[in-house]
Amino acid sequence: MVMKSGERWHCMNPACLCAVLVETSGELEGSHPRCPCGSIMKKEYSPPVFRYLEFLHEPEPAVTAQSDRED
């Protein structure tokens, strides 16, 4: 399991709820790190970011109405 600097991991034991902030990137043997209480720790969930849809968050341009009358 690869742990990257800045990640937050939390204990899955509801009685413990220990949290860890990773300061140095590294790799562990096995699947998940263990909490001092012995339970498995998992990364804090962060929702995916879809960069190719960022244009949808921009405000739409103002539409100007053209008059049909001739001066």
C-alpha atoms as a PDB file:
ATOM      1  CA  MET A   1       0.000   0.000   0.000  1.00  0.00           C
ATOM      2  CA  VAL A   2       1.390   3.394  -0.994  1.00  0.00           C
ATOM      3  CA  MET A   3       0.895   6.223   1.479  1.00  0.00           C
ATOM      4  CA  LYS A   4       1.410   9.740   0.110  1.00  0.00           C
ATOM      5  CA  SER A   5       2.343  12.833   2.066  1.00  0.00           C
ATOM      6  CA  GLY A   6      -0.713  14.868   3.104  1.00  0.00           C
ATOM      7  CA  GLU A   7      -3.171  11.955   3.112  1.00  0.00           C
ATOM      8  CA  ARG A   8      -5.442  11.396   6.110  1.00  0.00           C
ATOM      9  CA  TRP A   9      -6.116   7.850   7.332  1.00  0.00           C
ATOM     10  CA  HIS A  10      -8.697   6.913   9.958  1.00  0.00           C
ATOM     11  CA  CYS A  11      -9.352   3.859  12.116  1.00  0.00           C
ATOM     12  CA  MET A  12     -12.348   1.706  11.202  1.00  0.00           C
ATOM     13  CA  ASN A  13     -12.997   0.818  14.857  1.00  0.00           C
ATOM     14  CA  PRO A  14     -15.993   2.953  16.023  1.00  0.00           C
ATOM     15  CA  ALA A  15     -14.698   2.867  19.609  1.00  0.00           C
ATOM     16  CA  CYS A  16     -11.258   4.226  18.606  1.00  0.00           C
ATOM     17  CA  LEU A  17     -11.707   6.637  15.652  1.00  0.00           C
ATOM     18  CA  CYS A  18      -7.986   7.469  15.623  1.00  0.00           C
ATOM     19  CA  ALA A  19      -6.838   9.649  12.695  1.00  0.00           C
ATOM     20  CA  VAL A  20      -3.355   9.936  11.158  1.00  0.00           C
ATOM     21  CA  LEU A  21      -1.894  12.569   8.831  1.00  0.00           C
ATOM     22  CA  VAL A  22       0.902  11.156   6.639  1.00  0.00           C
ATOM     23  CA  GLU A  23       3.969  13.408   6.691  1.00  0.00           C
ATOM     24  CA  THR A  24       6.373  11.369   4.554  1.00  0.00           C
ATOM     25  CA  SER A  25       5.484   9.333   1.463  1.00  0.00           C
ATOM     26  CA  GLY A  26       6.276   5.643   1.651  1.00  0.00           C
ATOM     27  CA  GLU A  27       5.195   2.121   0.870  1.00  0.00           C
ATOM     28  CA  LEU A  28       3.965  -0.563   3.294  1.00  0.00           C
ATOM     29  CA  GLU A  29       4.020  -4.306   2.902  1.00  0.00           C
ATOM     30  CA  GLY A  30       0.507  -5.743   3.004  1.00  0.00           C
ATOM     31  CA  SER A  31      -2.801  -4.165   2.191  1.00  0.00           C
ATOM     32  CA  HIS A  32      -3.716  -1.505   4.781  1.00  0.00           C
ATOM     33  CA  PRO A  33      -1.881   0.043   7.739  1.00  0.00           C
ATOM     34  CA  ARG A  34      -2.987  -0.899  11.238  1.00  0.00           C
ATOM     35  CA  CYS A  35      -4.039   1.410  14.055  1.00  0.00           C
ATOM     36  CA  PRO A  36      -2.383   1.020  17.493  1.00  0.00           C
ATOM     37  CA  CYS A  37      -5.705  -0.524  18.637  1.00  0.00           C
ATOM     38  CA  GLY A  38      -5.201  -3.273  16.008  1.00  0.00           C
ATOM     39  CA  SER A  39      -7.976  -2.283  13.577  1.00  0.00           C
ATOM     40  CA  ILE A  40      -7.482  -1.568   9.881  1.00  0.00           C
ATOM     41  CA  MET A  41      -7.047   2.070   8.827  1.00  0.00           C
ATOM     42  CA  LYS A  42      -8.461   3.460   5.590  1.00  0.00           C
ATOM     43  CA  LYS A  43      -7.918   6.647   3.621  1.00  0.00           C
ATOM     44  CA  GLU A  44     -10.362   9.471   4.075  1.00  0.00           C
ATOM     45  CA  TYR A  45     -12.786   9.546   1.135  1.00  0.00           C
ATOM     46  CA  SER A  46     -12.406  12.353  -1.360  1.00  0.00           C
ATOM     47  CA  PRO A  47     -14.866  12.609  -4.247  1.00  0.00           C
ATOM     48  CA  PRO A  48     -13.473  12.350  -7.792  1.00  0.00           C
ATOM     49  CA  VAL A  49     -12.799  15.500  -9.788  1.00  0.00           C
ATOM     50  CA  PHE A  50     -13.669  15.476 -13.474  1.00  0.00           C
ATOM     51  CA  ARG A  51     -11.394  18.055 -15.048  1.00  0.00           C
ATOM     52  CA  TYR A  52     -12.824  17.688 -18.552  1.00  0.00           C
ATOM     53  CA  LEU A  53     -16.212  18.960 -17.279  1.00  0.00           C
ATOM     54  CA  GLU A  54     -14.874  22.094 -15.586  1.00  0.00           C
ATOM     55  CA  PHE A  55     -16.360  24.274 -18.333  1.00  0.00           C
ATOM     56  CA  LEU A  56     -19.828  23.448 -16.972  1.00  0.00           C
ATOM     57  CA  HIS A  57     -19.075  25.416 -13.792  1.00  0.00           C
ATOM     58  CA  GLU A  58     -18.438  28.657 -15.679  1.00  0.00           C
ATOM     59  CA  PRO A  59     -21.325  31.124 -15.847  1.00  0.00           C
ATOM     60  CA  GLU A  60     -23.094  31.299 -19.184  1.00  0.00           C
ATOM     61  CA  PRO A  61     -22.440  34.441 -21.223  1.00  0.00           C
ATOM     62  CA  ALA A  62     -25.163  37.068 -21.213  1.00  0.00           C
ATOM     63  CA  VAL A  63     -27.287  36.963 -24.355  1.00  0.00           C
ATOM     64  CA  THR A  64     -28.020  40.315 -25.960  1.00  0.00           C
ATOM     65  CA  ALA A  65     -31.290  40.694 -27.776  1.00  0.00           C
ATOM     66  CA  GLN A  66     -31.119  42.155 -31.289  1.00  0.00           C
ATOM     67  CA  SER A  67     -33.994  44.330 -32.357  1.00  0.00           C
ATOM     68  CA  ASP A  68     -35.687  43.583 -35.678  1.00  0.00           C
ATOM     69  CA  ARG A  69     -36.652  47.176 -36.385  1.00  0.00           C
ATOM     70  CA  GLU A  70     -34.718  49.289 -38.861  1.00  0.00           C
ATOM     71  CA  ASP A  71     -33.741  52.896 -38.084  1.00  0.00           C
END
